[in-house]
Amino acid sequence: MNKIDTRWHKPIIRKGRFGVPSGRQPESLLFQTLPSFIQSLRASSSHEQHVSDWCLPTPAFNSFGDATIMWVGHATFLLCIDGVTILTDPIFGSPSWFFPRLLLPTISANDLPQVDAVLLSHNHPDHMDATTLHALNKKNKNTRYLVPHGDKRWFDRRGFAHAHEHTWWQSFTLQGNTGPVTCTFLPADHWSQRWLFDKNLSLWGSWMIQSKDVTIYFAGDTAYDSHFKVISQKFTEIDCALLPIGPCEPHDRMQHTHMDARQAVDAFIDLQAQLFVPMHWATFAFGTDSFLLPIERLQKAWKKVQFGMLTLPKVGQLVNVVPQSSYVLAKTLEQAIRK
C-alpha cells in the first residue's frame, strides 16, 4: 500500500493565518495579480469569436434526474444527487469590472430550482460572489451554505440563517430521497483573500459529494500536488471529477496556485476517477490563454489516460453521472470495438 502523505491531514496555521503543506506563497497583488490582469486584457479579444460555440439555450430542469450535473460556467455547477440540489462556487455575473464575463450563463440565479446546499471552496470573489449569494438567500432562506473555516462570519453578518463552516476532512450530511448525501471538505493547494488585509484568514479546499449510488469530486481552485493521491486513498471509488484546467498561462506564475490542463489530467489519474469534467476555463480572462488553449491541452494530455472517460460540456449542458461499474463496462466495450 502506498504511504499516506500526512501533510494533508490538517491545515497549517501560523500566526492566525492558514498555510499549505507545499510551502507555496500566495501571489502578490502588486507584482503578480495586477501585471497578469494587464496581460489578460490583451488576450481577451481572442475569446469573443468562440463564445457562442460553448453556450446552450436555457436547459429544461424537468430533465434533471438523480446524479445529473450542469456547468453554469467557471467553477459553478448545478448538481442533482438523489433528489438533493447542490450549487458549487456560485457566480452568475462578473467578479468585478476588471474581469467581465465572457461565457454568459444560460440561466440566472432567480431561475434556478430550489437549491438545498451551496458548497464553497474558498472566498475569492470569482468563487464566492456576493451578488449571487444574496440572490440565492433572498429566494430561499432554508438553503444550507457549507463554507470553509473562517468564512461563516461573512454569512452570519449578512443574515444567512444556515451557514456551516468546515475544516479539512469534516462532513455535512443532507437527506436525499433514498438515503444520506454526504459532503466532505477536503484539502486543496490554494489561498484565500477577499479584502486588503485578510489574506489566508480563512481556509480553502475541495469537496466530495457522496450518495449511495455515486461519488462526485469538486476540486475548487488548486495547484497540482500530492493531495489528490491522499484523497484517492480515502475515497477509492470516484465516479466523476470536476477539475480546473485553467488559466494555463503564464505557467511560471499560475502553477503555484492553479492547474493547467496537463496537470489536471495528472490529478485525474491520481484520483482514479471515471469521468473527467473540466471547469475553470474561458469564463473569465484571468490568464493570457487563448480561448481554446486549455481544451486543446486537455485533449492532447488525455491520450495518456488508460481508463475513464472525458466529456466537454458547454454552458447549460446536462451531464449524467453513472456509477463506476457502468463506466468500466462502457470503456471495456469501447476498447473491444476498437480492436
C-alpha atoms as a PDB file:
ATOM      1  CA  MET A   1       0.000   0.000   0.000  1.00  0.00           C
ATOM      2  CA  ASN A   2       1.265   3.471  -0.867  1.00  0.00           C
ATOM      3  CA  LYS A   3       2.475   5.562   2.037  1.00  0.00           C
ATOM      4  CA  ILE A   4      -0.029   8.191   3.146  1.00  0.00           C
ATOM      5  CA  ASP A   5       1.202  11.782   2.930  1.00  0.00           C
ATOM      6  CA  THR A   6       0.291  13.096   6.374  1.00  0.00           C
ATOM      7  CA  ARG A   7       0.974  16.724   5.433  1.00  0.00           C
ATOM      8  CA  TRP A   8      -2.616  16.991   4.222  1.00  0.00           C
ATOM      9  CA  HIS A   9      -4.266  15.649   7.376  1.00  0.00           C
ATOM     10  CA  LYS A  10      -4.972  19.129   8.708  1.00  0.00           C
ATOM     11  CA  PRO A  11      -4.310  22.733   7.651  1.00  0.00           C
ATOM     12  CA  ILE A  12      -1.214  24.581   8.752  1.00  0.00           C
ATOM     13  CA  ILE A  13      -1.851  27.685  10.860  1.00  0.00           C
ATOM     14  CA  ARG A  14       0.876  30.231  11.510  1.00  0.00           C
ATOM     15  CA  LYS A  15       0.186  33.421  13.459  1.00  0.00           C
ATOM     16  CA  GLY A  16      -3.536  33.068  12.869  1.00  0.00           C
ATOM     17  CA  ARG A  17      -3.285  32.552   9.102  1.00  0.00           C
ATOM     18  CA  PHE A  18      -3.587  29.365   7.069  1.00  0.00           C
ATOM     19  CA  GLY A  19      -0.743  27.934   5.018  1.00  0.00           C
ATOM     20  CA  VAL A  20      -0.312  24.945   2.708  1.00  0.00           C
ATOM     21  CA  PRO A  21       1.986  21.928   3.066  1.00  0.00           C
ATOM     22  CA  SER A  22       3.689  22.695  -0.246  1.00  0.00           C
ATOM     23  CA  GLY A  23       5.038  25.940   1.218  1.00  0.00           C
ATOM     24  CA  ARG A  24       3.916  27.922  -1.823  1.00  0.00           C
ATOM     25  CA  GLN A  25       3.284  31.586  -1.144  1.00  0.00           C
ATOM     26  CA  PRO A  26       0.086  33.325  -2.296  1.00  0.00           C
ATOM     27  CA  GLU A  27       0.565  35.688  -5.174  1.00  0.00           C
ATOM     28  CA  SER A  28       1.364  39.357  -4.707  1.00  0.00           C
ATOM     29  CA  LEU A  29      -1.402  41.769  -5.647  1.00  0.00           C
ATOM     30  CA  LEU A  30       1.069  44.426  -6.812  1.00  0.00           C
ATOM     31  CA  PHE A  31       3.739  42.356  -8.538  1.00  0.00           C
ATOM     32  CA  GLN A  32       1.742  39.384  -9.876  1.00  0.00           C
ATOM     33  CA  THR A  33      -2.037  39.864  -9.952  1.00  0.00           C
ATOM     34  CA  LEU A  34      -2.070  43.339 -11.492  1.00  0.00           C
ATOM     35  CA  PRO A  35       0.572  42.625 -14.192  1.00  0.00           C
ATOM     36  CA  SER A  36      -1.312  39.452 -15.103  1.00  0.00           C
ATOM     37  CA  PHE A  37      -4.520  41.453 -15.391  1.00  0.00           C
ATOM     38  CA  ILE A  38      -2.887  43.806 -17.892  1.00  0.00           C
ATOM     39  CA  GLN A  39      -1.676  40.825 -19.913  1.00  0.00           C
ATOM     40  CA  SER A  40      -5.125  39.233 -19.825  1.00  0.00           C
ATOM     41  CA  LEU A  41      -6.678  42.334 -21.392  1.00  0.00           C
ATOM     42  CA  ARG A  42      -4.541  41.781 -24.447  1.00  0.00           C
ATOM     43  CA  ALA A  43      -5.593  38.146 -24.678  1.00  0.00           C
ATOM     44  CA  SER A  44      -9.327  38.607 -24.042  1.00  0.00           C
ATOM     45  CA  SER A  45     -10.150  39.678 -27.605  1.00  0.00           C
ATOM     46  CA  SER A  46      -9.296  36.177 -28.840  1.00  0.00           C
ATOM     47  CA  HIS A  47     -12.161  34.784 -26.763  1.00  0.00           C
ATOM     48  CA  GLU A  48     -15.037  36.598 -28.389  1.00  0.00           C
ATOM     49  CA  GLN A  49     -15.291  34.641 -31.641  1.00  0.00           C
ATOM     50  CA  HIS A  50     -15.676  31.317 -29.772  1.00  0.00           C
ATOM     51  CA  VAL A  51     -18.101  32.277 -27.014  1.00  0.00           C
ATOM     52  CA  SER A  52     -21.350  31.356 -28.790  1.00  0.00           C
ATOM     53  CA  ASP A  53     -19.994  27.881 -29.612  1.00  0.00           C
ATOM     54  CA  TRP A  54     -19.833  26.996 -25.917  1.00  0.00           C
ATOM     55  CA  CYS A  55     -23.260  28.117 -24.682  1.00  0.00           C
ATOM     56  CA  LEU A  56     -26.533  26.198 -24.980  1.00  0.00           C
ATOM     57  CA  PRO A  57     -30.085  27.550 -24.658  1.00  0.00           C
ATOM     58  CA  THR A  58     -31.809  27.504 -21.293  1.00  0.00           C
ATOM     59  CA  PRO A  59     -31.866  23.893 -20.067  1.00  0.00           C
ATOM     60  CA  ALA A  60     -35.061  22.055 -19.188  1.00  0.00           C
ATOM     61  CA  PHE A  61     -34.836  21.367 -15.474  1.00  0.00           C
ATOM     62  CA  ASN A  62     -37.573  18.753 -15.689  1.00  0.00           C
ATOM     63  CA  SER A  63     -34.946  16.533 -17.312  1.00  0.00           C
ATOM     64  CA  PHE A  64     -32.773  16.813 -14.204  1.00  0.00           C
ATOM     65  CA  GLY A  65     -32.549  13.354 -12.696  1.00  0.00           C
ATOM     66  CA  ASP A  66     -30.537  11.767  -9.974  1.00  0.00           C
ATOM     67  CA  ALA A  67     -26.788  12.229 -10.473  1.00  0.00           C
ATOM     68  CA  THR A  68     -27.105  14.998 -13.069  1.00  0.00           C
ATOM     69  CA  ILE A  69     -24.758  17.968 -13.360  1.00  0.00           C
ATOM     70  CA  MET A  70     -24.872  21.187 -15.357  1.00  0.00           C
ATOM     71  CA  TRP A  71     -21.957  23.545 -15.920  1.00  0.00           C
ATOM     72  CA  VAL A  72     -23.029  27.162 -15.369  1.00  0.00           C
ATOM     73  CA  GLY A  73     -19.532  28.477 -16.112  1.00  0.00           C
ATOM     74  CA  HIS A  74     -16.200  28.891 -14.300  1.00  0.00           C
ATOM     75  CA  ALA A  75     -16.409  26.689 -11.147  1.00  0.00           C
ATOM     76  CA  THR A  76     -20.198  26.887 -10.846  1.00  0.00           C
ATOM     77  CA  PHE A  77     -22.063  23.609 -11.259  1.00  0.00           C
ATOM     78  CA  LEU A  78     -25.672  22.749 -10.519  1.00  0.00           C
ATOM     79  CA  LEU A  79     -25.910  19.147  -9.313  1.00  0.00           C
ATOM     80  CA  CYS A  80     -28.886  16.961  -8.540  1.00  0.00           C
ATOM     81  CA  ILE A  81     -27.943  13.914  -6.457  1.00  0.00           C
ATOM     82  CA  ASP A  82     -30.617  11.623  -5.025  1.00  0.00           C
ATOM     83  CA  GLY A  83     -33.091  14.495  -5.085  1.00  0.00           C
ATOM     84  CA  VAL A  84     -30.695  16.967  -3.398  1.00  0.00           C
ATOM     85  CA  THR A  85     -29.866  20.074  -5.441  1.00  0.00           C
ATOM     86  CA  ILE A  86     -26.375  21.482  -4.876  1.00  0.00           C
ATOM     87  CA  LEU A  87     -24.659  24.555  -6.296  1.00  0.00           C
ATOM     88  CA  THR A  88     -20.863  24.917  -6.241  1.00  0.00           C
ATOM     89  CA  ASP A  89     -18.928  28.205  -6.037  1.00  0.00           C
ATOM     90  CA  PRO A  90     -21.832  30.257  -7.402  1.00  0.00           C
ATOM     91  CA  ILE A  91     -21.199  33.234  -9.643  1.00  0.00           C
ATOM     92  CA  PHE A  92     -23.672  34.265 -12.342  1.00  0.00           C
ATOM     93  CA  GLY A  93     -22.134  37.628 -13.164  1.00  0.00           C
ATOM     94  CA  SER A  94     -18.619  39.071 -13.082  1.00  0.00           C
ATOM     95  CA  PRO A  95     -16.347  39.299 -10.030  1.00  0.00           C
ATOM     96  CA  SER A  96     -15.521  42.932 -10.914  1.00  0.00           C
ATOM     97  CA  TRP A  97     -15.430  45.288 -13.867  1.00  0.00           C
ATOM     98  CA  PHE A  98     -11.752  44.332 -14.254  1.00  0.00           C
ATOM     99  CA  PHE A  99     -12.814  40.860 -15.363  1.00  0.00           C
ATOM    100  CA  PRO A 100     -16.019  40.964 -17.456  1.00  0.00           C
ATOM    101  CA  ARG A 101     -17.729  37.631 -18.002  1.00  0.00           C
ATOM    102  CA  LEU A 102     -17.153  36.041 -21.403  1.00  0.00           C
ATOM    103  CA  LEU A 103     -19.239  32.855 -21.219  1.00  0.00           C
ATOM    104  CA  LEU A 104     -22.651  34.066 -20.085  1.00  0.00           C
ATOM    105  CA  PRO A 105     -24.800  31.688 -18.031  1.00  0.00           C
ATOM    106  CA  THR A 106     -27.901  30.444 -19.797  1.00  0.00           C
ATOM    107  CA  ILE A 107     -29.900  30.951 -16.586  1.00  0.00           C
ATOM    108  CA  SER A 108     -29.938  33.445 -13.740  1.00  0.00           C
ATOM    109  CA  ALA A 109     -29.782  32.755 -10.030  1.00  0.00           C
ATOM    110  CA  ASN A 110     -33.502  33.588  -9.847  1.00  0.00           C
ATOM    111  CA  ASP A 111     -34.329  30.921 -12.456  1.00  0.00           C
ATOM    112  CA  LEU A 112     -32.748  28.070 -10.532  1.00  0.00           C
ATOM    113  CA  PRO A 113     -34.804  25.308  -8.968  1.00  0.00           C
ATOM    114  CA  GLN A 114     -34.756  25.218  -5.185  1.00  0.00           C
ATOM    115  CA  VAL A 115     -31.127  24.883  -4.051  1.00  0.00           C
ATOM    116  CA  ASP A 116     -30.703  22.705  -0.979  1.00  0.00           C
ATOM    117  CA  ALA A 117     -26.999  23.414  -0.423  1.00  0.00           C
ATOM    118  CA  VAL A 118     -24.268  25.712  -1.680  1.00  0.00           C
ATOM    119  CA  LEU A 119     -20.684  24.422  -1.472  1.00  0.00           C
ATOM    120  CA  LEU A 120     -17.858  26.957  -1.369  1.00  0.00           C
ATOM    121  CA  SER A 121     -14.220  26.074  -1.991  1.00  0.00           C
ATOM    122  CA  HIS A 122     -12.787  29.451  -0.885  1.00  0.00           C
ATOM    123  CA  ASN A 123     -13.651  33.126  -0.614  1.00  0.00           C
ATOM    124  CA  HIS A 124     -12.162  34.686  -3.756  1.00  0.00           C
ATOM    125  CA  PRO A 125     -14.833  36.852  -5.425  1.00  0.00           C
ATOM    126  CA  ASP A 126     -14.960  34.675  -8.557  1.00  0.00           C
ATOM    127  CA  HIS A 127     -15.982  31.721  -6.362  1.00  0.00           C
ATOM    128  CA  MET A 128     -17.868  33.437  -3.534  1.00  0.00           C
ATOM    129  CA  ASP A 129     -19.828  36.123  -5.368  1.00  0.00           C
ATOM    130  CA  ALA A 130     -21.803  38.389  -3.039  1.00  0.00           C
ATOM    131  CA  THR A 131     -24.451  39.367  -5.606  1.00  0.00           C
ATOM    132  CA  THR A 132     -25.252  35.755  -6.467  1.00  0.00           C
ATOM    133  CA  LEU A 133     -25.274  34.651  -2.830  1.00  0.00           C
ATOM    134  CA  HIS A 134     -27.676  37.424  -1.802  1.00  0.00           C
ATOM    135  CA  ALA A 135     -29.988  36.480  -4.682  1.00  0.00           C
ATOM    136  CA  LEU A 136     -29.968  32.849  -3.566  1.00  0.00           C
ATOM    137  CA  ASN A 137     -30.647  33.800   0.057  1.00  0.00           C
ATOM    138  CA  LYS A 138     -33.498  36.075  -0.929  1.00  0.00           C
ATOM    139  CA  LYS A 139     -35.115  33.290  -2.925  1.00  0.00           C
ATOM    140  CA  ASN A 140     -34.778  30.564  -0.288  1.00  0.00           C
ATOM    141  CA  LYS A 141     -33.897  31.194   3.343  1.00  0.00           C
ATOM    142  CA  ASN A 142     -33.548  27.451   4.004  1.00  0.00           C
ATOM    143  CA  THR A 143     -30.573  26.833   1.729  1.00  0.00           C
ATOM    144  CA  ARG A 144     -27.538  25.434   3.550  1.00  0.00           C
ATOM    145  CA  TYR A 145     -24.205  27.152   2.932  1.00  0.00           C
ATOM    146  CA  LEU A 146     -21.244  24.846   3.511  1.00  0.00           C
ATOM    147  CA  VAL A 147     -18.188  27.067   3.735  1.00  0.00           C
ATOM    148  CA  PRO A 148     -14.504  26.851   4.697  1.00  0.00           C
ATOM    149  CA  HIS A 149     -13.409  27.603   8.238  1.00  0.00           C
ATOM    150  CA  GLY A 150     -13.260  31.377   8.746  1.00  0.00           C
ATOM    151  CA  ASP A 151     -15.964  32.312   6.214  1.00  0.00           C
ATOM    152  CA  LYS A 152     -19.073  31.696   8.321  1.00  0.00           C
ATOM    153  CA  ARG A 153     -18.775  35.147   9.870  1.00  0.00           C
ATOM    154  CA  TRP A 154     -19.337  36.763   6.447  1.00  0.00           C
ATOM    155  CA  PHE A 155     -22.642  34.898   6.094  1.00  0.00           C
ATOM    156  CA  ASP A 156     -23.761  35.471   9.677  1.00  0.00           C
ATOM    157  CA  ARG A 157     -23.260  39.225   9.394  1.00  0.00           C
ATOM    158  CA  ARG A 158     -25.456  39.338   6.292  1.00  0.00           C
ATOM    159  CA  GLY A 159     -28.392  37.388   7.632  1.00  0.00           C
ATOM    160  CA  PHE A 160     -27.785  33.949   6.126  1.00  0.00           C
ATOM    161  CA  ALA A 161     -29.558  31.599   8.517  1.00  0.00           C
ATOM    162  CA  HIS A 162     -27.827  28.329   7.693  1.00  0.00           C
ATOM    163  CA  ALA A 163     -24.068  28.705   7.209  1.00  0.00           C
ATOM    164  CA  HIS A 164     -21.882  25.834   8.377  1.00  0.00           C
ATOM    165  CA  GLU A 165     -18.093  26.091   8.303  1.00  0.00           C
ATOM    166  CA  HIS A 166     -15.687  23.210   7.882  1.00  0.00           C
ATOM    167  CA  THR A 167     -12.042  22.347   8.130  1.00  0.00           C
ATOM    168  CA  TRP A 168     -10.455  19.590   6.022  1.00  0.00           C
ATOM    169  CA  TRP A 169     -11.996  16.107   6.336  1.00  0.00           C
ATOM    170  CA  GLN A 170     -15.146  17.332   8.082  1.00  0.00           C
ATOM    171  CA  SER A 171     -18.507  16.275   6.635  1.00  0.00           C
ATOM    172  CA  PHE A 172     -22.072  17.559   6.453  1.00  0.00           C
ATOM    173  CA  THR A 173     -24.983  15.256   5.667  1.00  0.00           C
ATOM    174  CA  LEU A 174     -28.085  16.162   3.680  1.00  0.00           C
ATOM    175  CA  GLN A 175     -31.123  13.917   3.363  1.00  0.00           C
ATOM    176  CA  GLY A 176     -31.714  12.519  -0.105  1.00  0.00           C
ATOM    177  CA  ASN A 177     -34.694  10.614  -1.471  1.00  0.00           C
ATOM    178  CA  THR A 178     -33.230   7.205  -0.701  1.00  0.00           C
ATOM    179  CA  GLY A 179     -30.524   7.958   1.842  1.00  0.00           C
ATOM    180  CA  PRO A 180     -27.904  10.437   3.009  1.00  0.00           C
ATOM    181  CA  VAL A 181     -25.949  12.713   0.675  1.00  0.00           C
ATOM    182  CA  THR A 182     -22.647  13.444   2.412  1.00  0.00           C
ATOM    183  CA  CYS A 183     -20.469  16.452   1.562  1.00  0.00           C
ATOM    184  CA  THR A 184     -16.882  16.231   2.838  1.00  0.00           C
ATOM    185  CA  PHE A 185     -14.498  19.196   2.801  1.00  0.00           C
ATOM    186  CA  LEU A 186     -11.058  18.118   1.569  1.00  0.00           C
ATOM    187  CA  PRO A 187      -7.600  19.621   1.017  1.00  0.00           C
ATOM    188  CA  ALA A 188      -6.537  21.855  -1.861  1.00  0.00           C
ATOM    189  CA  ASP A 189      -3.393  23.850  -2.613  1.00  0.00           C
ATOM    190  CA  HIS A 190      -4.552  27.441  -2.947  1.00  0.00           C
ATOM    191  CA  TRP A 191      -5.077  30.557  -0.807  1.00  0.00           C
ATOM    192  CA  SER A 192      -7.805  32.956   0.310  1.00  0.00           C
ATOM    193  CA  GLN A 193      -8.363  36.695   0.319  1.00  0.00           C
ATOM    194  CA  ARG A 194     -11.371  38.944  -0.032  1.00  0.00           C
ATOM    195  CA  TRP A 195     -10.159  42.297   1.203  1.00  0.00           C
ATOM    196  CA  LEU A 196      -6.802  44.051   1.514  1.00  0.00           C
ATOM    197  CA  PHE A 197      -5.672  42.685   4.883  1.00  0.00           C
ATOM    198  CA  ASP A 198      -7.429  39.307   5.234  1.00  0.00           C
ATOM    199  CA  LYS A 199      -5.093  37.096   3.201  1.00  0.00           C
ATOM    200  CA  ASN A 200      -5.352  33.461   4.378  1.00  0.00           C
ATOM    201  CA  LEU A 201      -7.502  34.243   7.398  1.00  0.00           C
ATOM    202  CA  SER A 202      -9.983  31.673   6.058  1.00  0.00           C
ATOM    203  CA  LEU A 203      -9.375  28.188   4.721  1.00  0.00           C
ATOM    204  CA  TRP A 204      -9.775  26.785   1.181  1.00  0.00           C
ATOM    205  CA  GLY A 205     -10.398  23.300  -0.083  1.00  0.00           C
ATOM    206  CA  SER A 206     -12.309  20.895  -2.302  1.00  0.00           C
ATOM    207  CA  TRP A 207     -15.474  18.813  -1.806  1.00  0.00           C
ATOM    208  CA  MET A 208     -16.501  15.181  -2.155  1.00  0.00           C
ATOM    209  CA  ILE A 209     -20.221  14.582  -2.631  1.00  0.00           C
ATOM    210  CA  GLN A 210     -21.492  11.070  -1.975  1.00  0.00           C
ATOM    211  CA  SER A 211     -24.833   9.335  -2.237  1.00  0.00           C
ATOM    212  CA  LYS A 212     -25.383   5.587  -2.007  1.00  0.00           C
ATOM    213  CA  ASP A 213     -25.035   5.358  -5.795  1.00  0.00           C
ATOM    214  CA  VAL A 214     -22.471   7.937  -6.950  1.00  0.00           C
ATOM    215  CA  THR A 215     -19.471   9.916  -5.723  1.00  0.00           C
ATOM    216  CA  ILE A 216     -18.558  13.277  -7.292  1.00  0.00           C
ATOM    217  CA  TYR A 217     -15.384  15.251  -6.560  1.00  0.00           C
ATOM    218  CA  PHE A 218     -15.313  19.040  -6.925  1.00  0.00           C
ATOM    219  CA  ALA A 219     -11.733  20.328  -6.868  1.00  0.00           C
ATOM    220  CA  GLY A 220     -12.368  24.059  -6.436  1.00  0.00           C
ATOM    221  CA  ASP A 221      -9.227  26.125  -7.108  1.00  0.00           C
ATOM    222  CA  THR A 222      -5.931  24.351  -6.599  1.00  0.00           C
ATOM    223  CA  ALA A 223      -2.396  23.831  -7.770  1.00  0.00           C
ATOM    224  CA  TYR A 224      -1.294  20.288  -8.545  1.00  0.00           C
ATOM    225  CA  ASP A 225       0.105  18.479  -5.525  1.00  0.00           C
ATOM    226  CA  SER A 226       0.069  15.207  -3.598  1.00  0.00           C
ATOM    227  CA  HIS A 227      -3.330  15.883  -2.007  1.00  0.00           C
ATOM    228  CA  PHE A 228      -5.079  14.186  -4.922  1.00  0.00           C
ATOM    229  CA  LYS A 229      -3.363  10.889  -4.102  1.00  0.00           C
ATOM    230  CA  VAL A 230      -4.211  11.334  -0.424  1.00  0.00           C
ATOM    231  CA  ILE A 231      -7.870  11.892  -1.311  1.00  0.00           C
ATOM    232  CA  SER A 232      -7.931   8.814  -3.550  1.00  0.00           C
ATOM    233  CA  GLN A 233      -6.644   6.675  -0.685  1.00  0.00           C
ATOM    234  CA  LYS A 234      -9.657   7.726   1.383  1.00  0.00           C
ATOM    235  CA  PHE A 235     -12.218   7.699  -1.458  1.00  0.00           C
ATOM    236  CA  THR A 236     -11.481   4.681  -3.602  1.00  0.00           C
ATOM    237  CA  GLU A 237     -14.432   4.879  -5.998  1.00  0.00           C
ATOM    238  CA  ILE A 238     -14.907   8.332  -7.530  1.00  0.00           C
ATOM    239  CA  ASP A 239     -17.412   8.354 -10.367  1.00  0.00           C
ATOM    240  CA  CYS A 240     -16.852  11.927 -11.556  1.00  0.00           C
ATOM    241  CA  ALA A 241     -14.136  14.541 -11.041  1.00  0.00           C
ATOM    242  CA  LEU A 242     -14.833  18.222 -11.723  1.00  0.00           C
ATOM    243  CA  LEU A 243     -11.338  19.612 -12.279  1.00  0.00           C
ATOM    244  CA  PRO A 244     -10.000  23.079 -13.214  1.00  0.00           C
ATOM    245  CA  ILE A 245      -7.929  23.278 -16.411  1.00  0.00           C
ATOM    246  CA  GLY A 246      -7.024  26.966 -16.486  1.00  0.00           C
ATOM    247  CA  PRO A 247      -5.740  29.546 -16.514  1.00  0.00           C
ATOM    248  CA  CYS A 248      -2.753  27.944 -18.238  1.00  0.00           C
ATOM    249  CA  GLU A 249      -0.504  30.915 -18.864  1.00  0.00           C
ATOM    250  CA  PRO A 250       1.761  32.423 -17.742  1.00  0.00           C
ATOM    251  CA  HIS A 251       2.619  28.968 -16.412  1.00  0.00           C
ATOM    252  CA  ASP A 252       5.588  30.049 -14.292  1.00  0.00           C
ATOM    253  CA  ARG A 253       3.201  32.076 -12.112  1.00  0.00           C
ATOM    254  CA  MET A 254      -0.066  30.170 -12.443  1.00  0.00           C
ATOM    255  CA  GLN A 255       1.404  26.800 -11.468  1.00  0.00           C
ATOM    256  CA  HIS A 256       1.801  27.921  -7.853  1.00  0.00           C
ATOM    257  CA  THR A 257      -1.959  28.277  -7.299  1.00  0.00           C
ATOM    258  CA  HIS A 258      -3.710  26.725 -10.331  1.00  0.00           C
ATOM    259  CA  MET A 259      -3.510  23.630 -12.521  1.00  0.00           C
ATOM    260  CA  ASP A 260      -3.250  23.735 -16.272  1.00  0.00           C
ATOM    261  CA  ALA A 261      -4.950  21.047 -18.337  1.00  0.00           C
ATOM    262  CA  ARG A 262      -1.940  18.731 -18.337  1.00  0.00           C
ATOM    263  CA  GLN A 263      -1.684  18.825 -14.549  1.00  0.00           C
ATOM    264  CA  ALA A 264      -5.444  18.325 -14.271  1.00  0.00           C
ATOM    265  CA  VAL A 265      -5.058  15.060 -16.201  1.00  0.00           C
ATOM    266  CA  ASP A 266      -2.359  14.022 -13.722  1.00  0.00           C
ATOM    267  CA  ALA A 267      -4.791  14.844 -10.905  1.00  0.00           C
ATOM    268  CA  PHE A 268      -7.473  12.717 -12.583  1.00  0.00           C
ATOM    269  CA  ILE A 269      -5.038   9.807 -12.778  1.00  0.00           C
ATOM    270  CA  ASP A 270      -4.146  10.267  -9.104  1.00  0.00           C
ATOM    271  CA  LEU A 271      -7.822  10.270  -8.146  1.00  0.00           C
ATOM    272  CA  GLN A 272      -8.553   7.149 -10.255  1.00  0.00           C
ATOM    273  CA  ALA A 273     -11.905   8.697 -11.155  1.00  0.00           C
ATOM    274  CA  GLN A 274     -14.090   7.513 -14.029  1.00  0.00           C
ATOM    275  CA  LEU A 275     -15.459  10.688 -15.660  1.00  0.00           C
ATOM    276  CA  PHE A 276     -13.466  13.893 -16.206  1.00  0.00           C
ATOM    277  CA  VAL A 277     -15.471  17.128 -16.461  1.00  0.00           C
ATOM    278  CA  PRO A 278     -13.341  20.268 -16.958  1.00  0.00           C
ATOM    279  CA  MET A 279     -14.090  23.646 -15.407  1.00  0.00           C
ATOM    280  CA  HIS A 280     -12.469  26.998 -14.604  1.00  0.00           C
ATOM    281  CA  TRP A 281     -11.677  27.995 -18.170  1.00  0.00           C
ATOM    282  CA  ALA A 282     -12.950  30.547 -20.723  1.00  0.00           C
ATOM    283  CA  THR A 283     -15.487  32.210 -18.421  1.00  0.00           C
ATOM    284  CA  PHE A 284     -13.113  34.987 -17.347  1.00  0.00           C
ATOM    285  CA  ALA A 285      -9.814  36.051 -18.914  1.00  0.00           C
ATOM    286  CA  PHE A 286      -7.679  35.565 -15.811  1.00  0.00           C
ATOM    287  CA  GLY A 287      -4.567  34.481 -17.688  1.00  0.00           C
ATOM    288  CA  THR A 288      -3.001  35.014 -21.079  1.00  0.00           C
ATOM    289  CA  ASP A 289      -4.515  31.838 -22.567  1.00  0.00           C
ATOM    290  CA  SER A 290      -6.183  31.892 -25.933  1.00  0.00           C
ATOM    291  CA  PHE A 291      -9.806  30.765 -25.647  1.00  0.00           C
ATOM    292  CA  LEU A 292      -9.277  27.152 -26.715  1.00  0.00           C
ATOM    293  CA  LEU A 293      -5.789  26.592 -25.279  1.00  0.00           C
ATOM    294  CA  PRO A 294      -6.985  24.776 -22.102  1.00  0.00           C
ATOM    295  CA  ILE A 295      -9.230  22.443 -24.132  1.00  0.00           C
ATOM    296  CA  GLU A 296      -6.534  21.774 -26.727  1.00  0.00           C
ATOM    297  CA  ARG A 297      -4.041  20.902 -23.999  1.00  0.00           C
ATOM    298  CA  LEU A 298      -6.618  18.736 -22.258  1.00  0.00           C
ATOM    299  CA  GLN A 299      -7.377  16.721 -25.384  1.00  0.00           C
ATOM    300  CA  LYS A 300      -3.680  16.224 -26.066  1.00  0.00           C
ATOM    301  CA  ALA A 301      -2.893  15.194 -22.487  1.00  0.00           C
ATOM    302  CA  TRP A 302      -5.887  12.862 -22.373  1.00  0.00           C
ATOM    303  CA  LYS A 303      -4.170  10.485 -24.813  1.00  0.00           C
ATOM    304  CA  LYS A 304      -2.010   9.129 -21.992  1.00  0.00           C
ATOM    305  CA  VAL A 305      -5.015   8.169 -19.841  1.00  0.00           C
ATOM    306  CA  GLN A 306      -5.731   4.440 -19.947  1.00  0.00           C
ATOM    307  CA  PHE A 307      -9.051   4.484 -18.087  1.00  0.00           C
ATOM    308  CA  GLY A 308     -12.139   6.610 -17.598  1.00  0.00           C
ATOM    309  CA  MET A 309     -13.957   8.959 -19.945  1.00  0.00           C
ATOM    310  CA  LEU A 310     -13.712  12.651 -20.848  1.00  0.00           C
ATOM    311  CA  THR A 311     -16.656  14.920 -21.555  1.00  0.00           C
ATOM    312  CA  LEU A 312     -16.511  18.600 -22.560  1.00  0.00           C
ATOM    313  CA  PRO A 313     -19.830  20.164 -21.553  1.00  0.00           C
ATOM    314  CA  LYS A 314     -20.988  23.516 -22.818  1.00  0.00           C
ATOM    315  CA  VAL A 315     -22.581  26.067 -20.522  1.00  0.00           C
ATOM    316  CA  GLY A 316     -26.105  24.831 -19.801  1.00  0.00           C
ATOM    317  CA  GLN A 317     -25.499  21.259 -20.953  1.00  0.00           C
ATOM    318  CA  LEU A 318     -26.717  18.414 -18.741  1.00  0.00           C
ATOM    319  CA  VAL A 319     -24.344  15.540 -17.974  1.00  0.00           C
ATOM    320  CA  ASN A 320     -25.472  12.298 -16.385  1.00  0.00           C
ATOM    321  CA  VAL A 321     -23.140  10.646 -13.892  1.00  0.00           C
ATOM    322  CA  VAL A 322     -23.458   6.877 -13.570  1.00  0.00           C
ATOM    323  CA  PRO A 323     -21.848   4.524 -11.058  1.00  0.00           C
ATOM    324  CA  GLN A 324     -18.265   3.433 -11.586  1.00  0.00           C
ATOM    325  CA  SER A 325     -19.209  -0.057 -12.747  1.00  0.00           C
ATOM    326  CA  SER A 326     -21.103   1.424 -15.691  1.00  0.00           C
ATOM    327  CA  TYR A 327     -18.042   3.388 -16.820  1.00  0.00           C
ATOM    328  CA  VAL A 328     -15.878   0.289 -16.583  1.00  0.00           C
ATOM    329  CA  LEU A 329     -18.349  -1.596 -18.774  1.00  0.00           C
ATOM    330  CA  ALA A 330     -18.567   1.260 -21.286  1.00  0.00           C
ATOM    331  CA  LYS A 331     -14.782   1.535 -21.507  1.00  0.00           C
ATOM    332  CA  THR A 332     -14.437  -2.233 -21.995  1.00  0.00           C
ATOM    333  CA  LEU A 333     -16.961  -2.158 -24.836  1.00  0.00           C
ATOM    334  CA  GLU A 334     -15.212   0.838 -26.413  1.00  0.00           C
ATOM    335  CA  GLN A 335     -11.874  -0.946 -26.338  1.00  0.00           C
ATOM    336  CA  ALA A 336     -13.419  -4.103 -27.786  1.00  0.00           C
ATOM    337  CA  ILE A 337     -14.933  -2.143 -30.677  1.00  0.00           C
ATOM    338  CA  ARG A 338     -11.575  -0.536 -31.440  1.00  0.00           C
ATOM    339  CA  LYS A 339      -9.965  -3.976 -31.691  1.00  0.00           C
END
